[in-house]
């Protein structure tokens, strides 16, 4: 009986062997095409291979329309008629409940309540309240998921910006886009996975800086690539005068050889990252000029975004460019629009800021939707914290400002697996404290990662002896936001 068993096992014809082997080799070949990074055999084997989500994603890409400086939720989406009724009265101490203040209002003895200078109306089937400052966003409100209960740990701009972008208020941590690049890679080998666009509004601005789109301790291939509004969208991308493509290619090949020798000698992975960056820059020379040429967009698209979309460096131009980058496979596009820091003169400054962003933000949603891309593209609009319900400094009804408020503020999300046409969470009648469904920064990060098919607790990187992640040691996925 035993001999019969071994004879059966050894009775394998050449045709049988080759047939089985061909199926296995074919499967490996297909896998190497679909998920090339999984088959490279490089890097730490206990890390998630690039391009391989933990589960089926709802959003393939993210466009983050970051409103730098913190737009007031009380003049955007959180309508509070009580503040108008109690205009000028002092904020009850029981509501403030000893919250720490910034140095700009810590010397105030009175905190006069300040209703919005602008009217609100309800729109869409959701009945969401939207300020008159945003008539175009109001038209698409049923595509939006408005979150009124965002909250953060930071009360000043620098730590709040850093916290929202990297999950930590200080330190060399990777930004959201860098984590997305690390976890998923790019869908287009000729473009970076993470691109950054900058614009400047007409209000009081807060600066932005490279640590907001840093790769942190990840390989430098994951850092955000900044597009400029100048003649060269990417600095040093074009060949120097007197250099042609053939010479450029030869130079890069020789440089790669030297770098590989250096890597064999010292084992520094950043050397390999530099080689990849040089190659990416070479491939981008063909892809970027065509992408950044907005003049070829059809007239109805230009009309939708507004004539400013043909002016490089404007918010409208960057919103249109964000669509083109996302459509071309860029995983994470971060747009920073500065000018929302209205500590004073809010009734005069904020309408200018709103005018800069309202039309183009709504156009982006409409544009993605009509192209069939909104369902797989997550769009986010909002700032780093909110604004106080009381007036900063001297109280006047037609010229006031608001200080920083981390306890509750509003953003919106659209597409990419979030519920459309809902308002999530609620603040008290003073717009000061959250009374239902809070969303902390860590929860926000966890939810965005989840929508992209990434488990925020498993997307980690070992650095200095511990495993780091975007959400640190906290964060919950907010299922109520997801379709």
Protein backbone atom coordinates (compact mmCIF):
# COMPACT_ATOMS: atom_id res chain seq x y z
CA UNK A 1 0.00 0.00 0.00
CA UNK A 2 2.83 2.34 0.91
CA UNK A 3 4.64 1.56 -2.39
CA UNK A 4 1.48 2.33 -4.34
CA UNK A 5 1.26 5.74 -2.59
CA UNK A 6 4.85 6.68 -3.55
CA UNK A 7 4.39 5.39 -7.08
CA UNK A 8 1.32 7.63 -7.41
CA UNK A 9 3.24 10.64 -6.11
CA UNK A 10 6.15 10.06 -8.47
CA UNK A 11 3.98 9.37 -11.49
CA UNK A 12 4.20 12.96 -12.83
CA UNK A 13 4.52 13.38 -16.57
CA UNK A 14 6.48 16.21 -18.18
CA UNK A 15 3.21 17.60 -19.62
CA UNK A 16 1.63 17.61 -16.15
CA UNK A 17 4.65 19.35 -14.60
CA UNK A 18 4.90 22.05 -17.28
CA UNK A 19 1.16 22.70 -17.17
CA UNK A 20 1.20 23.27 -13.43
CA UNK A 21 4.39 25.34 -13.54
CA UNK A 22 3.06 27.57 -16.32
CA UNK A 23 -0.01 28.43 -14.26
CA UNK A 24 2.16 29.41 -11.30
CA UNK A 25 4.60 31.48 -13.35
CA UNK A 26 1.70 33.22 -15.10
CA UNK A 27 0.15 34.12 -11.75
CA UNK A 28 3.46 35.55 -10.53
CA UNK A 29 3.80 37.56 -13.74
CA UNK A 30 0.31 38.99 -13.40
CA UNK A 31 0.94 39.83 -9.76
CA UNK A 32 4.20 41.62 -10.58
CA UNK A 33 2.31 43.81 -13.05
CA UNK A 34 -0.60 44.59 -10.75
CA UNK A 35 1.47 45.08 -7.56
CA UNK A 36 5.10 45.57 -8.61
CA UNK A 37 6.29 46.72 -5.19
CA UNK A 38 5.15 43.48 -3.61
CA UNK A 39 7.55 41.52 -5.82
CA UNK A 40 10.65 43.70 -5.53
CA UNK A 41 11.99 41.90 -2.49
CA UNK A 42 13.19 45.20 -1.04
CA UNK A 43 12.61 46.89 2.29
CA UNK A 44 11.23 45.61 5.57
CA UNK A 45 9.05 42.56 4.99
CA UNK A 46 6.77 43.36 7.92
CA UNK A 47 5.76 46.67 6.34
CA UNK A 48 2.77 47.12 4.06
CA UNK A 49 3.94 46.95 0.42
CA UNK A 50 3.24 50.07 -1.62
CA UNK A 51 0.09 49.89 -3.71
CA UNK A 52 -1.58 47.27 -1.53
CA UNK A 53 -4.45 48.56 0.67
CA UNK A 54 -5.61 46.59 3.69
CA UNK A 55 -9.12 46.30 2.24
CA UNK A 56 -11.15 47.56 -0.69
CA UNK A 57 -10.91 51.38 -0.72
CA UNK A 58 -13.85 53.70 -1.24
CA UNK A 59 -11.55 56.56 -2.23
CA UNK A 60 -8.62 56.05 -4.59
CA UNK A 61 -7.43 59.65 -4.26
CA UNK A 62 -7.72 62.70 -2.00
CA UNK A 63 -7.93 66.42 -2.83
CA UNK A 64 -7.54 68.45 0.35
CA UNK A 65 -8.61 72.10 -0.07
CA UNK A 66 -6.95 73.42 3.06
CA UNK A 67 -8.13 76.86 4.18
CA UNK A 68 -5.05 78.09 6.00
CA UNK A 69 -5.63 80.46 8.92
CA UNK A 70 -8.95 78.98 10.13
CA UNK A 71 -12.21 80.27 8.58
CA UNK A 72 -14.90 81.06 11.14
CA UNK A 73 -17.49 78.29 11.44
CA UNK A 74 -19.97 80.94 12.60
CA UNK A 75 -19.76 82.68 9.21
CA UNK A 76 -19.73 79.49 7.14
CA UNK A 77 -21.84 76.47 8.21
CA UNK A 78 -22.69 76.68 11.94
CA UNK A 79 -25.71 78.99 12.14
CA UNK A 80 -26.30 80.32 15.66
CA UNK A 81 -29.20 82.82 15.93
CA UNK A 82 -28.74 82.92 19.72
CA UNK A 83 -25.52 84.88 19.21
CA UNK A 84 -27.41 87.52 17.24
CA UNK A 85 -30.15 87.74 19.87
CA UNK A 86 -27.58 88.13 22.66
CA UNK A 87 -25.29 90.43 20.68
CA UNK A 88 -22.90 92.26 23.01
CA UNK A 89 -23.79 90.28 26.13
CA UNK A 90 -20.97 88.59 27.99
CA UNK A 91 -20.31 84.90 27.29
CA UNK A 92 -21.52 82.96 30.37
CA UNK A 93 -18.61 81.61 32.41
CA UNK A 94 -20.38 78.24 32.58
CA UNK A 95 -20.08 77.94 28.79
CA UNK A 96 -16.41 78.88 28.56
CA UNK A 97 -15.73 76.69 31.60
CA UNK A 98 -12.17 77.86 32.13
CA UNK A 99 -10.91 77.13 28.62
CA UNK A 100 -7.41 78.45 28.07
CA UNK A 101 -7.13 81.49 25.82
CA UNK A 102 -4.53 82.77 23.39
CA UNK A 103 -2.31 85.67 24.33
CA UNK A 104 -4.51 87.90 22.16
CA UNK A 105 -7.59 87.64 24.41
CA UNK A 106 -6.18 86.46 27.74
CA UNK A 107 -6.17 90.06 29.01
CA UNK A 108 -9.87 90.60 28.21
CA UNK A 109 -12.21 90.85 31.18
CA UNK A 110 -15.35 90.74 29.01
CA UNK A 111 -16.19 88.38 26.16
CA UNK A 112 -19.04 90.04 24.22
CA UNK A 113 -21.03 87.58 22.12
CA UNK A 114 -20.95 88.28 18.41
CA UNK A 115 -23.52 87.02 15.91
CA UNK A 116 -22.67 86.72 12.25
CA UNK A 117 -22.73 89.88 10.14
CA UNK A 118 -23.93 87.66 7.24
CA UNK A 119 -27.27 85.92 6.77
CA UNK A 120 -27.81 82.17 6.61
CA UNK A 121 -30.36 80.14 4.65
CA UNK A 122 -31.23 76.47 4.41
CA UNK A 123 -30.46 74.61 1.19
CA UNK A 124 -31.03 71.27 -0.49
CA UNK A 125 -32.90 68.22 0.71
CA UNK A 126 -30.62 68.12 3.75
CA UNK A 127 -31.79 71.57 4.84
CA UNK A 128 -28.21 72.49 5.74
CA UNK A 129 -27.60 76.08 6.83
CA UNK A 130 -25.07 77.89 4.66
CA UNK A 131 -23.88 81.48 4.90
CA UNK A 132 -24.70 83.94 2.12
CA UNK A 133 -20.94 84.20 1.62
CA UNK A 134 -20.99 80.84 -0.19
CA UNK A 135 -23.78 80.82 -2.79
CA UNK A 136 -22.05 78.27 -5.03
CA UNK A 137 -21.32 75.80 -2.25
CA UNK A 138 -24.96 76.19 -1.22
CA UNK A 139 -26.01 74.87 -4.66
CA UNK A 140 -24.09 71.62 -4.18
CA UNK A 141 -24.90 71.14 -0.49
CA UNK A 142 -26.55 67.77 -1.17
CA UNK A 143 -23.17 66.47 -2.36
CA UNK A 144 -21.49 67.59 0.87
CA UNK A 145 -21.03 65.98 4.25
CA UNK A 146 -20.76 68.96 6.61
CA UNK A 147 -19.02 68.16 9.90
CA UNK A 148 -19.76 70.75 12.61
CA UNK A 149 -17.89 69.10 15.46
CA UNK A 150 -14.24 68.96 14.48
CA UNK A 151 -12.00 69.62 17.49
CA UNK A 152 -8.27 69.82 18.10
CA UNK A 153 -5.75 69.94 20.95
CA UNK A 154 -3.89 73.02 19.69
CA UNK A 155 -4.90 76.66 20.15
CA UNK A 156 -2.25 78.43 18.04
CA UNK A 157 -1.63 78.23 14.31
CA UNK A 158 1.75 76.52 14.08
CA UNK A 159 0.99 73.56 16.37
CA UNK A 160 -2.57 73.30 15.02
CA UNK A 161 -1.41 73.24 11.40
CA UNK A 162 1.28 70.71 12.21
CA UNK A 163 -1.14 68.56 14.22
CA UNK A 164 -3.74 68.48 11.46
CA UNK A 165 -1.19 67.65 8.78
CA UNK A 166 1.02 65.19 10.66
CA UNK A 167 -0.91 63.92 13.70
CA UNK A 168 1.53 65.58 16.13
CA UNK A 169 1.99 69.19 17.24
CA UNK A 170 5.79 69.04 17.12
CA UNK A 171 8.45 66.78 15.74
CA UNK A 172 9.59 65.32 12.45
CA UNK A 173 6.43 63.36 11.58
CA UNK A 174 5.23 62.41 8.08
CA UNK A 175 2.26 64.36 6.74
CA UNK A 176 -1.04 62.81 5.67
CA UNK A 177 -0.02 62.85 2.02
CA UNK A 178 3.30 61.19 2.82
CA UNK A 179 1.52 58.39 4.72
CA UNK A 180 -0.83 57.89 1.76
CA UNK A 181 2.15 57.76 -0.60
CA UNK A 182 3.96 55.29 1.67
CA UNK A 183 0.92 53.05 2.00
CA UNK A 184 -0.43 53.15 -1.53
CA UNK A 185 2.12 54.66 -3.90
CA UNK A 186 1.11 56.50 -7.07
CA UNK A 187 -1.18 55.32 -9.84
CA UNK A 188 0.99 57.09 -12.41
CA UNK A 189 4.71 56.28 -12.60
CA UNK A 190 5.36 59.64 -14.30
CA UNK A 191 3.95 61.72 -11.44
CA UNK A 192 4.55 61.86 -7.67
CA UNK A 193 2.01 60.30 -5.34
CA UNK A 194 1.80 63.53 -3.30
CA UNK A 195 1.58 67.03 -4.82
CA UNK A 196 1.24 70.42 -3.10
CA UNK A 197 -0.33 73.60 -4.53
CA UNK A 198 -0.08 77.04 -2.88
CA UNK A 199 -2.29 80.13 -3.26
CA UNK A 200 -2.67 83.40 -1.39
CA UNK A 201 -5.99 85.10 -0.63
CA UNK A 202 -6.81 88.70 0.12
CA UNK A 203 -7.18 88.39 3.88
CA UNK A 204 -4.75 88.31 6.78
CA UNK A 205 -2.49 85.33 6.13
CA UNK A 206 -0.61 82.70 8.07
CA UNK A 207 2.48 81.25 6.46
CA UNK A 208 2.92 77.69 5.29
CA UNK A 209 6.17 75.76 5.39
CA UNK A 210 7.66 72.53 4.14
CA UNK A 211 7.20 70.62 7.40
CA UNK A 212 3.46 70.54 6.59
CA UNK A 213 4.10 68.30 3.58
CA UNK A 214 7.23 66.60 4.88
CA UNK A 215 8.06 62.92 4.55
CA UNK A 216 9.37 63.00 8.14
CA UNK A 217 11.20 59.75 8.88
CA UNK A 218 9.84 58.04 5.75
CA UNK A 219 11.94 57.88 2.59
CA UNK A 220 12.16 61.27 0.89
CA UNK A 221 10.33 59.84 -2.15
CA UNK A 222 7.14 60.34 -0.09
CA UNK A 223 7.49 64.08 0.54
CA UNK A 224 5.08 66.46 -1.18
CA UNK A 225 6.25 67.92 -4.49
CA UNK A 226 5.40 71.64 -4.61
CA UNK A 227 4.07 73.13 -7.84
CA UNK A 228 4.83 76.84 -8.28
CA UNK A 229 2.91 79.49 -10.21
CA UNK A 230 6.00 80.66 -12.10
CA UNK A 231 7.19 79.85 -15.57
CA UNK A 232 8.55 76.50 -14.34
CA UNK A 233 5.86 74.68 -12.30
CA UNK A 234 8.52 72.40 -10.82
CA UNK A 235 11.87 74.02 -10.04
CA UNK A 236 14.92 72.57 -11.82
CA UNK A 237 12.71 70.21 -13.83
CA UNK A 238 13.80 71.49 -17.26
CA UNK A 239 17.17 70.61 -18.74
CA UNK A 240 19.87 73.28 -18.44
CA UNK A 241 20.70 75.24 -21.57
CA UNK A 242 22.90 73.21 -23.91
CA UNK A 243 21.74 69.87 -22.51
CA UNK A 244 19.51 67.53 -24.55
CA UNK A 245 17.50 64.46 -23.51
CA UNK A 246 20.20 62.01 -24.58
CA UNK A 247 22.89 63.75 -22.54
CA UNK A 248 20.50 64.02 -19.60
CA UNK A 249 19.79 60.29 -19.78
CA UNK A 250 23.49 59.41 -19.90
CA UNK A 251 24.22 61.69 -16.95
CA UNK A 252 21.43 60.11 -14.85
CA UNK A 253 22.61 56.60 -15.71
CA UNK A 254 26.17 57.40 -14.62
CA UNK A 255 24.92 59.14 -11.47
CA UNK A 256 22.80 56.09 -10.64
CA UNK A 257 25.84 53.85 -11.00
CA UNK A 258 27.79 56.02 -8.57
CA UNK A 259 24.88 56.13 -6.14
CA UNK A 260 24.50 52.35 -6.22
CA UNK A 261 28.19 52.00 -5.43
CA UNK A 262 27.71 54.39 -2.55
CA UNK A 263 24.72 52.38 -1.32
CA UNK A 264 26.72 49.14 -1.40
CA UNK A 265 29.38 50.84 0.67
CA UNK A 266 27.27 52.55 3.35
CA UNK A 267 23.81 50.94 3.07
CA UNK A 268 21.97 54.26 3.47
CA UNK A 269 18.44 53.76 1.99
CA UNK A 270 18.20 57.49 1.32
CA UNK A 271 20.76 57.01 -1.48
CA UNK A 272 18.30 54.70 -3.24
CA UNK A 273 15.52 57.22 -2.62
CA UNK A 274 17.58 59.91 -4.36
CA UNK A 275 18.02 57.67 -7.41
CA UNK A 276 14.25 57.22 -7.55
CA UNK A 277 13.72 60.97 -7.27
CA UNK A 278 16.08 61.68 -10.16
CA UNK A 279 14.24 59.15 -12.30
CA UNK A 280 10.87 60.62 -11.33
CA UNK A 281 12.07 64.11 -12.26
CA UNK A 282 13.20 62.80 -15.66
CA UNK A 283 9.79 61.24 -16.33
CA UNK A 284 7.96 64.35 -15.07
CA UNK A 285 9.62 66.44 -17.78
CA UNK A 286 7.12 64.99 -20.22
CA UNK A 287 4.04 64.73 -18.00
CA UNK A 288 4.06 68.05 -16.09
CA UNK A 289 4.03 70.64 -18.92
CA UNK A 290 0.92 69.09 -20.44
CA UNK A 291 -0.80 68.81 -17.07
CA UNK A 292 -0.16 72.41 -16.06
CA UNK A 293 -1.35 73.87 -19.37
CA UNK A 294 -4.89 74.89 -18.42
CA UNK A 295 -5.47 76.88 -21.62
CA UNK A 296 -6.54 73.70 -23.40
CA UNK A 297 -9.49 73.16 -21.08
CA UNK A 298 -12.87 73.57 -22.86
CA UNK A 299 -14.77 76.84 -22.51
CA UNK A 300 -17.51 75.35 -20.33
CA UNK A 301 -14.90 74.21 -17.77
CA UNK A 302 -13.25 77.66 -17.72
CA UNK A 303 -16.68 79.21 -17.21
CA UNK A 304 -17.44 76.80 -14.39
CA UNK A 305 -14.26 77.55 -12.41
CA UNK A 306 -14.24 81.24 -13.37
CA UNK A 307 -11.79 83.31 -15.44
CA UNK A 308 -9.23 83.35 -12.60
CA UNK A 309 -8.53 79.67 -13.27
CA UNK A 310 -6.34 80.82 -16.19
CA UNK A 311 -4.19 82.92 -13.83
CA UNK A 312 -1.40 80.68 -12.44
CA UNK A 313 -1.20 80.57 -8.66
CA UNK A 314 -4.81 81.52 -7.96
CA UNK A 315 -7.08 79.27 -5.94
CA UNK A 316 -9.24 78.66 -9.00
CA UNK A 317 -6.23 77.65 -11.12
CA UNK A 318 -5.02 75.31 -8.38
CA UNK A 319 -8.47 73.75 -7.94
CA UNK A 320 -8.59 72.97 -11.67
CA UNK A 321 -5.00 71.70 -11.59
CA UNK A 322 -5.90 69.52 -8.59
CA UNK A 323 -8.61 67.86 -10.69
CA UNK A 324 -6.15 67.23 -13.52
CA UNK A 325 -3.52 65.80 -11.17
CA UNK A 326 -6.06 63.58 -9.45
CA UNK A 327 -7.50 62.46 -12.77
CA UNK A 328 -3.96 61.54 -13.84
CA UNK A 329 -3.45 59.27 -10.85
CA UNK A 330 -1.84 61.48 -8.18
CA UNK A 331 -2.82 59.89 -4.89
CA UNK A 332 -2.93 62.97 -2.64
CA UNK A 333 -3.23 66.61 -3.74
CA UNK A 334 -2.92 69.22 -0.98
CA UNK A 335 -3.97 72.77 -1.78
CA UNK A 336 -3.12 75.49 0.79
CA UNK A 337 -5.04 78.76 0.49
CA UNK A 338 -3.79 81.45 2.88
CA UNK A 339 -5.67 84.45 4.27
CA UNK A 340 -8.32 83.23 6.75
CA UNK A 341 -6.85 84.69 9.97
CA UNK A 342 -9.53 87.28 10.76
CA UNK A 343 -8.72 88.56 14.27
CA UNK A 344 -10.17 91.90 13.13
CA UNK A 345 -11.99 93.43 10.18
CA UNK A 346 -13.81 90.15 9.57
CA UNK A 347 -16.91 91.66 7.85
CA UNK A 348 -14.65 93.23 5.20
CA UNK A 349 -11.96 90.57 4.79
CA UNK A 350 -13.98 87.36 4.88
CA UNK A 351 -16.17 88.17 1.84
CA UNK A 352 -12.99 88.55 -0.24
CA UNK A 353 -11.69 85.20 0.96
CA UNK A 354 -15.04 83.55 0.29
CA UNK A 355 -15.12 85.04 -3.20
CA UNK A 356 -11.69 83.52 -3.87
CA UNK A 357 -12.74 79.97 -3.02
CA UNK A 358 -16.52 79.56 -3.29
CA UNK A 359 -16.96 79.22 -7.04
CA UNK A 360 -13.91 77.06 -7.69
CA UNK A 361 -14.59 74.71 -4.75
CA UNK A 362 -18.12 74.06 -5.97
CA UNK A 363 -16.88 73.74 -9.56
CA UNK A 364 -14.37 71.07 -8.50
CA UNK A 365 -17.14 68.92 -7.01
CA UNK A 366 -19.35 69.40 -10.07
CA UNK A 367 -16.46 68.73 -12.44
CA UNK A 368 -15.46 65.49 -10.70
CA UNK A 369 -19.08 64.39 -10.54
CA UNK A 370 -19.77 64.90 -14.24
CA UNK A 371 -16.58 62.97 -15.10
CA UNK A 372 -17.63 60.04 -12.91
CA UNK A 373 -14.67 60.64 -10.59
CA UNK A 374 -16.34 61.98 -7.44
CA UNK A 375 -17.26 58.54 -6.08
CA UNK A 376 -13.59 57.55 -6.02
CA UNK A 377 -12.13 60.95 -5.07
CA UNK A 378 -12.38 62.27 -1.51
CA UNK A 379 -12.50 66.09 -1.40
CA UNK A 380 -11.97 67.88 1.95
CA UNK A 381 -12.49 71.61 2.69
CA UNK A 382 -11.59 73.29 5.99
CA UNK A 383 -8.97 74.83 8.28
CA UNK A 384 -6.94 73.99 11.38
CA UNK A 385 -9.39 75.15 14.08
CA UNK A 386 -12.41 77.42 14.53
CA UNK A 387 -13.18 80.92 15.76
CA UNK A 388 -14.57 82.21 19.03
CA UNK A 389 -18.23 83.20 19.41
CA UNK A 390 -17.13 86.38 21.18
CA UNK A 391 -15.49 89.46 19.79
CA UNK A 392 -11.75 89.89 20.08
CA UNK A 393 -10.88 93.35 21.36
CA UNK A 394 -13.27 96.26 21.00
CA UNK A 395 -16.90 95.35 20.29
CA UNK A 396 -18.62 96.85 17.24
CA UNK A 397 -21.39 95.28 15.18
CA UNK A 398 -19.94 96.03 11.76
CA UNK A 399 -16.20 95.63 12.35
CA UNK A 400 -15.20 92.75 14.57
CA UNK A 401 -12.78 89.86 14.74
CA UNK A 402 -12.70 86.41 16.30
CA UNK A 403 -9.90 84.63 18.16
CA UNK A 404 -8.84 80.97 17.84
CA UNK A 405 -11.29 78.31 19.01
CA UNK A 406 -10.14 74.66 19.12
CA UNK A 407 -13.20 73.14 20.82
CA UNK A 408 -15.51 73.01 17.80
CA UNK A 409 -15.35 74.00 14.15
CA UNK A 410 -16.77 73.05 10.75
CA UNK A 411 -15.35 71.41 7.65
CA UNK A 412 -16.92 69.53 4.76
CA UNK A 413 -16.09 66.37 2.85
CA UNK A 414 -17.49 65.08 -0.43
CA UNK A 415 -17.25 61.97 -2.60
CA UNK A 416 -14.88 59.09 -1.85
CA UNK A 417 -17.31 57.05 0.23
CA UNK A 418 -18.70 59.72 2.60
CA UNK A 419 -22.43 60.23 3.04
CA UNK A 420 -23.68 63.03 0.79
CA UNK A 421 -26.22 65.59 1.92
CA UNK A 422 -25.81 65.25 5.68
CA UNK A 423 -24.80 67.47 8.58
CA UNK A 424 -22.83 65.54 11.17
CA UNK A 425 -22.66 66.56 14.82
CA UNK A 426 -24.04 69.52 16.72
CA UNK A 427 -22.71 72.32 18.90
CA UNK A 428 -24.54 74.14 21.69
CA UNK A 429 -26.67 77.22 21.04
CA UNK A 430 -23.60 79.40 21.55
CA UNK A 431 -21.53 77.45 19.01
CA UNK A 432 -18.91 76.96 21.70
CA UNK A 433 -19.07 73.34 22.92
CA UNK A 434 -19.93 70.07 21.20
CA UNK A 435 -23.15 68.44 22.36
CA UNK A 436 -23.29 65.51 19.91
CA UNK A 437 -20.92 63.42 17.77
CA UNK A 438 -17.44 64.95 18.25
CA UNK A 439 -14.74 64.34 15.62
CA UNK A 440 -11.20 64.73 16.93
CA UNK A 441 -8.23 65.22 14.59
CA UNK A 442 -7.12 61.63 15.22
CA UNK A 443 -10.65 60.40 14.35
CA UNK A 444 -10.56 62.47 11.17
CA UNK A 445 -7.22 60.93 10.16
CA UNK A 446 -8.41 57.42 10.96
CA UNK A 447 -11.53 57.93 8.85
CA UNK A 448 -9.67 59.38 5.85
CA UNK A 449 -7.21 56.46 5.96
CA UNK A 450 -10.11 53.99 6.21
CA UNK A 451 -11.81 55.50 3.17
CA UNK A 452 -8.55 54.95 1.28
CA UNK A 453 -8.50 51.28 2.26
CA UNK A 454 -5.92 51.66 5.02
CA UNK A 455 -6.23 50.52 8.62
CA UNK A 456 -4.70 53.41 10.58
CA UNK A 457 -3.52 51.05 13.32
CA UNK A 458 -1.67 48.81 10.86
CA UNK A 459 -0.11 51.50 8.67
CA UNK A 460 3.05 51.94 10.76
CA UNK A 461 6.75 52.64 10.35
CA UNK A 462 9.48 51.62 12.78
CA UNK A 463 11.64 54.58 13.76
CA UNK A 464 13.98 55.05 16.74
CA UNK A 465 12.85 51.81 18.31
CA UNK A 466 9.08 52.27 18.16
CA UNK A 467 6.34 51.97 15.58
CA UNK A 468 4.79 55.27 14.55
CA UNK A 469 1.51 55.92 12.80
CA UNK A 470 -0.45 58.97 11.64
CA UNK A 471 -2.94 58.65 14.52
CA UNK A 472 -0.25 58.11 17.21
CA UNK A 473 -2.03 55.93 19.83
CA UNK A 474 -5.58 57.20 19.35
CA UNK A 475 -8.26 57.70 16.72
CA UNK A 476 -11.51 55.98 15.82
CA UNK A 477 -13.07 55.54 12.41
CA UNK A 478 -16.32 57.56 12.35
CA UNK A 479 -18.75 55.17 10.67
CA UNK A 480 -21.54 57.78 10.72
CA UNK A 481 -19.69 59.76 8.06
CA UNK A 482 -19.43 56.88 5.60
CA UNK A 483 -21.94 55.89 2.95
